[in-house]
Protein backbone atom coordinates (compact mmCIF):
# COMPACT_ATOMS: atom_id res chain seq x y z
CA MET A 1 -48.03 -4.49 -18.83
CA PRO A 2 -44.57 -4.92 -20.34
CA LYS A 3 -41.70 -4.23 -18.06
CA ASN A 4 -39.16 -1.87 -19.52
CA ARG A 5 -35.74 -3.47 -19.01
CA GLY A 6 -33.61 -1.45 -21.35
CA GLY A 7 -33.03 2.32 -21.74
CA LEU A 8 -35.71 4.92 -21.81
CA SER A 9 -37.80 5.80 -24.80
CA PRO A 10 -37.96 9.41 -25.95
CA ARG A 11 -41.31 10.00 -24.29
CA GLN A 12 -40.18 8.29 -21.08
CA LYS A 13 -37.09 10.50 -20.98
CA ALA A 14 -39.25 13.59 -21.61
CA PHE A 15 -41.75 12.53 -18.88
CA VAL A 16 -38.84 11.93 -16.29
CA GLU A 17 -37.50 15.45 -17.06
CA ILE A 18 -40.87 17.33 -17.03
CA PHE A 19 -41.85 15.47 -13.85
CA CYS A 20 -38.78 16.30 -12.04
CA LYS A 21 -38.48 19.99 -13.30
CA GLU A 22 -42.06 20.85 -12.44
CA ASN A 23 -41.69 19.12 -9.04
CA GLY A 24 -45.30 18.94 -8.16
CA ARG A 25 -46.38 22.35 -9.73
CA ILE A 26 -48.41 20.24 -12.42
CA THR A 27 -50.03 16.98 -12.13
CA PRO A 28 -48.32 13.79 -13.29
CA THR A 29 -51.03 13.41 -16.03
CA GLU A 30 -50.21 16.86 -17.44
CA CYS A 31 -46.47 15.86 -17.32
CA ALA A 32 -47.30 12.78 -19.40
CA ARG A 33 -49.42 14.93 -21.88
CA GLN A 34 -46.44 17.40 -22.32
CA ALA A 35 -44.12 14.33 -22.89
CA GLY A 36 -46.38 13.31 -25.82
CA TYR A 37 -48.63 10.80 -24.42
CA LYS A 38 -52.13 10.86 -25.84
CA GLU A 39 -54.83 12.60 -24.03
CA HIS A 40 -56.94 9.43 -23.34
CA SER A 41 -53.92 7.46 -22.07
CA ALA A 42 -52.00 10.13 -20.10
CA THR A 43 -53.40 9.40 -16.76
CA ALA A 44 -52.73 5.71 -17.05
CA ALA A 45 -49.16 6.35 -18.43
CA ALA A 46 -48.39 8.78 -15.67
CA SER A 47 -49.44 6.16 -13.06
CA ASN A 48 -47.59 3.18 -14.67
CA LEU A 49 -44.32 5.21 -15.45
CA ARG A 50 -44.02 5.81 -11.76
CA ASN A 51 -44.70 2.31 -10.70
CA PRO A 52 -41.43 0.28 -10.19
CA LYS A 53 -43.20 -2.98 -10.87
CA TYR A 54 -43.85 -1.84 -14.62
CA TYR A 55 -41.08 0.57 -15.32
CA PRO A 56 -38.20 0.27 -12.86
CA SER A 57 -35.78 2.18 -15.19
CA VAL A 58 -38.10 5.13 -15.39
CA VAL A 59 -38.62 5.15 -11.56
CA GLU A 60 -34.82 4.84 -11.14
CA ALA A 61 -34.32 7.77 -13.60
CA ILE A 62 -36.77 9.91 -11.73
CA GLU A 63 -35.05 9.19 -8.42
CA LYS A 64 -31.71 9.92 -10.01
CA LEU A 65 -32.70 13.32 -11.61
CA GLN A 66 -34.39 14.30 -8.27
CA ARG A 67 -31.16 13.70 -6.41
CA GLU A 68 -29.24 15.67 -8.98
CA TYR A 69 -31.71 18.64 -8.59
CA ALA A 70 -31.44 18.49 -4.82
CA ASP A 71 -27.73 18.46 -4.96
CA ALA A 72 -27.55 21.35 -7.29
CA THR A 73 -29.98 23.43 -5.14
CA LYS A 74 -28.25 22.63 -1.81
CA ILE A 75 -27.01 25.79 0.17
CA ASP A 76 -23.50 25.61 0.67
CA ILE A 77 -21.89 28.24 3.05
CA VAL A 78 -18.89 28.76 0.79
CA LYS A 79 -20.92 28.89 -2.54
CA HIS A 80 -23.42 31.33 -0.85
CA SER A 81 -20.59 33.53 0.63
CA ARG A 82 -18.86 33.76 -2.88
CA GLU A 83 -22.22 34.56 -4.53
CA LEU A 84 -22.84 37.43 -2.07
CA ALA A 85 -19.38 38.74 -2.65
CA ARG A 86 -20.00 38.63 -6.40
CA LEU A 87 -23.18 40.46 -6.01
CA ARG A 88 -21.50 43.01 -3.80
CA ASP A 89 -18.65 43.56 -6.31
CA LYS A 90 -21.32 43.95 -9.08
CA ALA A 91 -23.29 46.56 -6.97
CA VAL A 92 -19.96 48.53 -6.41
CA GLU A 93 -19.12 48.51 -10.09
CA ASN A 94 -22.57 49.92 -10.87
CA GLY A 95 -22.18 52.54 -8.16
CA GLN A 96 -24.99 50.99 -6.01
CA LEU A 97 -23.55 51.47 -2.52
CA GLY A 98 -26.69 50.51 -0.66
CA PRO A 99 -27.13 47.12 -2.05
CA ALA A 100 -23.42 46.53 -1.78
CA ILE A 101 -23.48 47.36 1.82
CA ASN A 102 -26.51 45.09 2.26
CA ALA A 103 -24.73 42.20 0.52
CA GLU A 104 -21.73 42.71 2.75
CA PHE A 105 -23.85 42.94 5.87
CA ARG A 106 -25.59 39.58 4.99
CA LYS A 107 -22.31 37.94 4.28
CA GLY A 108 -21.20 39.08 7.66
CA GLN A 109 -24.36 37.82 9.32
CA MET A 110 -23.95 34.49 7.72
CA ALA A 111 -20.45 34.26 9.15
CA GLY A 112 -21.82 35.10 12.68
CA PHE A 113 -20.32 38.65 12.95
CA PHE A 114 -23.64 40.03 13.75
CA VAL A 115 -26.05 38.97 16.38
CA ASP A 116 -29.66 40.03 16.34
CA LYS A 117 -30.34 40.59 20.05
CA ARG A 118 -33.93 41.31 21.07
CA GLU A 119 -35.24 42.17 24.58
CA VAL A 120 -38.66 41.01 25.63
CA LYS A 121 -40.41 43.18 28.28
CA HIS A 122 -43.20 41.61 30.36
CA ILE A 123 -45.87 44.04 31.06
CA GLY A 124 -47.83 41.82 33.16
CA LEU A 125 -47.92 41.51 36.98
CA GLU A 126 -45.97 38.26 36.71
CA GLY A 127 -42.77 39.97 35.46
CA MET A 128 -42.78 42.82 37.98
CA SER A 129 -40.64 42.77 41.06
CA ARG A 130 -42.18 43.41 44.52
CA GLU A 131 -41.09 47.05 44.61
CA ALA A 132 -42.57 47.73 41.06
CA LEU A 133 -45.88 46.12 42.19
CA GLU A 134 -46.11 48.13 45.34
CA LYS A 135 -45.41 51.35 43.27
CA ARG A 136 -47.94 50.43 40.76
CA LEU A 137 -50.54 49.71 43.39
CA SER A 138 -50.00 53.17 45.07
CA GLU A 139 -50.36 54.80 41.64
CA LEU A 140 -53.74 53.11 41.20
CA GLU A 141 -54.92 53.92 44.64
CA GLN A 142 -54.04 57.63 43.91
CA LYS A 143 -55.98 57.44 40.69
CA ILE A 144 -59.08 56.08 42.43
CA GLY A 145 -58.89 58.67 45.22
CA GLU A 146 -58.87 61.37 42.55
CA SER A 147 -62.09 60.03 40.92
CA LYS A 148 -64.71 61.79 43.24
CA ASP A 149 -67.45 61.24 40.52
CA ILE A 150 -67.74 57.52 41.05
CA ILE A 151 -71.45 56.42 40.98
CA ASN A 152 -72.31 53.57 43.24
CA ILE A 153 -74.39 51.10 41.11
CA THR A 154 -74.67 48.32 43.71
CA PRO A 155 -78.22 47.10 43.39
CA GLU A 156 -80.24 47.31 46.75
CA LYS A 157 -81.67 44.22 48.41
CA ILE A 158 -85.19 43.80 47.32
CA THR A 159 -87.66 42.10 49.78
CA LYS A 160 -90.85 40.49 48.72
CA THR A 161 -93.89 41.13 50.52
CA GLY A 162 -97.20 39.61 50.39
């Protein structure tokens, strides 16, 4: 296989762009097909184009474009806050107060102004104090005492004769 030392060919550039843009949503073979490689050679082309031994400049271009995409999609708190403010302002312009309030609330949440506090209650015996346990036991004793229609189903001892 020839090593590609120079710039990328138009099909190689197309492969790099499609491969990075699709980000695993389609197979590398399909990326090669869409880049213009023939049906019978697309699988081999996709494999070879991603091999630094054969096409180091293609692999380098893939890595560079993937880094660019990653940098472009990073969540930056300042950018995110500005975007929420922009959405809030647009909602206010359109008279949509509910979405505007929601955007402002999320912006405040992001800044740490609102804390989501939740309380977990333990219903099991482990979470009860001694006093609570004693109270619960006395309640249960009263319930049992009120049930006069309890049937004894304890089996009698059977003795074998003979």
